[in-house]
Amino acid sequence: MSGLLPEAFKDLEYLVPEWSIRDGHQRYVKRVNSSIEELRAFYDVMFPRGQAAIDFIDQFEYSEPLTEDVSNLRDLLYTLITVAIAVEVWRQPRVRNSANTILTRLA
């Protein structure tokens, strides 16, 4: 798995295949199709490292493309954002009282 994340975040590389999701809709689909236990496990590992990851990514110019390892770290953060409300507020993968509703992006 070497090279999936920047050196300071190597210990999180095992999360990349499952949780480093580039597409926002796919992150949402991952959230609603995961158990709260799976979401909590990811959240518990990523949340304490979130600020360090943000600080690391902030050193790069926004106008320049990120390297693959930094992009993977960014996508882990985006997934953390998607998962956080389910873990912190709803305590379930789906919005409360939404039955089986799922958002589908058309374009």
Protein backbone atom coordinates (compact mmCIF):
# COMPACT_ATOMS: atom_id res chain seq x y z
CA MET A 1 0.00 0.00 0.00
CA SER A 2 3.01 2.29 0.05
CA GLY A 3 2.47 5.76 -1.36
CA LEU A 4 -1.30 5.94 -0.89
CA LEU A 5 -1.00 8.80 1.63
CA PRO A 6 1.64 11.35 2.59
CA GLU A 7 4.29 10.08 5.01
CA ALA A 8 2.71 11.69 8.10
CA PHE A 9 -0.52 9.76 7.44
CA LYS A 10 0.88 6.35 6.45
CA ASP A 11 -0.88 4.72 9.39
CA LEU A 12 -4.23 5.54 7.72
CA GLU A 13 -3.40 3.91 4.37
CA TYR A 14 -5.56 0.90 5.14
CA LEU A 15 -8.60 3.23 4.97
CA VAL A 16 -7.90 4.41 1.42
CA PRO A 17 -9.35 1.50 -0.61
CA GLU A 18 -12.72 1.67 1.14
CA TRP A 19 -13.10 5.26 2.33
CA SER A 20 -11.10 7.55 0.02
CA ILE A 21 -14.01 8.25 -2.33
CA ARG A 22 -13.57 10.96 -4.95
CA ASP A 23 -17.22 11.42 -5.96
CA GLY A 24 -19.61 13.15 -3.55
CA HIS A 25 -22.60 11.04 -4.52
CA GLN A 26 -20.58 7.86 -4.05
CA ARG A 27 -19.58 9.06 -0.56
CA TYR A 28 -23.27 9.51 0.24
CA VAL A 29 -24.08 6.04 -1.13
CA LYS A 30 -21.26 4.58 0.99
CA ARG A 31 -22.69 6.28 4.09
CA VAL A 32 -26.26 5.08 3.65
CA ASN A 33 -25.16 1.55 2.78
CA SER A 34 -22.80 1.20 5.75
CA SER A 35 -23.77 0.19 9.25
CA ILE A 36 -23.47 2.75 12.03
CA GLU A 37 -20.74 0.53 13.47
CA GLU A 38 -18.72 0.79 10.25
CA LEU A 39 -19.25 4.55 10.13
CA ARG A 40 -18.26 4.92 13.79
CA ALA A 41 -15.09 2.86 13.28
CA PHE A 42 -14.02 5.09 10.36
CA TYR A 43 -15.00 8.25 12.23
CA ASP A 44 -13.14 7.23 15.39
CA VAL A 45 -9.91 6.77 13.43
CA MET A 46 -10.20 9.79 11.12
CA PHE A 47 -11.71 12.47 13.34
CA PRO A 48 -8.69 12.84 15.67
CA ARG A 49 -6.45 13.27 12.59
CA GLY A 50 -8.80 15.64 10.76
CA GLN A 51 -7.23 18.95 11.75
CA ALA A 52 -3.73 17.70 11.01
CA ALA A 53 -4.91 16.53 7.58
CA ILE A 54 -6.53 19.91 6.89
CA ASP A 55 -3.38 21.74 7.96
CA PHE A 56 -1.27 19.48 5.73
CA ILE A 57 -3.47 19.98 2.67
CA ASP A 58 -3.66 23.75 3.25
CA GLN A 59 0.03 24.08 2.46
CA PHE A 60 -0.66 23.38 -1.23
CA GLU A 61 -1.75 25.96 -3.78
CA TYR A 62 -5.43 25.67 -4.64
CA SER A 63 -4.72 26.43 -8.29
CA GLU A 64 -2.36 23.43 -8.64
CA PRO A 65 -3.49 19.81 -8.89
CA LEU A 66 -2.78 17.66 -5.85
CA THR A 67 -0.59 14.58 -6.04
CA GLU A 68 -2.41 11.25 -5.74
CA ASP A 69 -1.39 10.71 -2.10
CA VAL A 70 -2.63 14.17 -1.08
CA SER A 71 -5.82 13.68 -3.12
CA ASN A 72 -6.45 10.44 -1.24
CA LEU A 73 -6.04 12.28 2.06
CA ARG A 74 -8.43 15.02 0.89
CA ASP A 75 -10.99 12.39 -0.11
CA LEU A 76 -10.72 10.73 3.31
CA LEU A 77 -11.54 14.13 4.81
CA TYR A 78 -14.50 14.57 2.48
CA THR A 79 -15.78 11.15 3.52
CA LEU A 80 -15.30 12.12 7.16
CA ILE A 81 -17.48 15.19 6.57
CA THR A 82 -20.15 13.00 4.95
CA VAL A 83 -20.05 10.47 7.78
CA ALA A 84 -19.77 12.89 10.72
CA ILE A 85 -23.38 14.04 10.86
CA ALA A 86 -24.62 10.46 10.77
CA VAL A 87 -22.33 9.54 13.66
CA GLU A 88 -22.63 12.71 15.74
CA VAL A 89 -26.27 13.71 15.25
CA TRP A 90 -28.44 11.00 13.75
CA ARG A 91 -26.56 8.01 15.19
CA GLN A 92 -27.61 6.11 12.08
CA PRO A 93 -26.52 6.13 8.43
CA ARG A 94 -29.70 7.70 7.06
CA VAL A 95 -31.52 10.89 7.95
CA ARG A 96 -34.04 10.21 10.69
CA ASN A 97 -37.62 9.66 9.51
CA SER A 98 -36.57 9.48 5.86
CA ALA A 99 -37.67 5.86 5.45
CA ASN A 100 -35.86 4.39 2.44
CA THR A 101 -35.29 7.72 0.71
CA ILE A 102 -31.98 8.04 -1.08
CA LEU A 103 -30.69 10.99 -3.10
CA THR A 104 -29.81 10.30 -6.70
CA ARG A 105 -27.80 12.73 -8.77
CA LEU A 106 -29.03 13.13 -12.33
CA ALA A 107 -26.12 15.06 -13.75
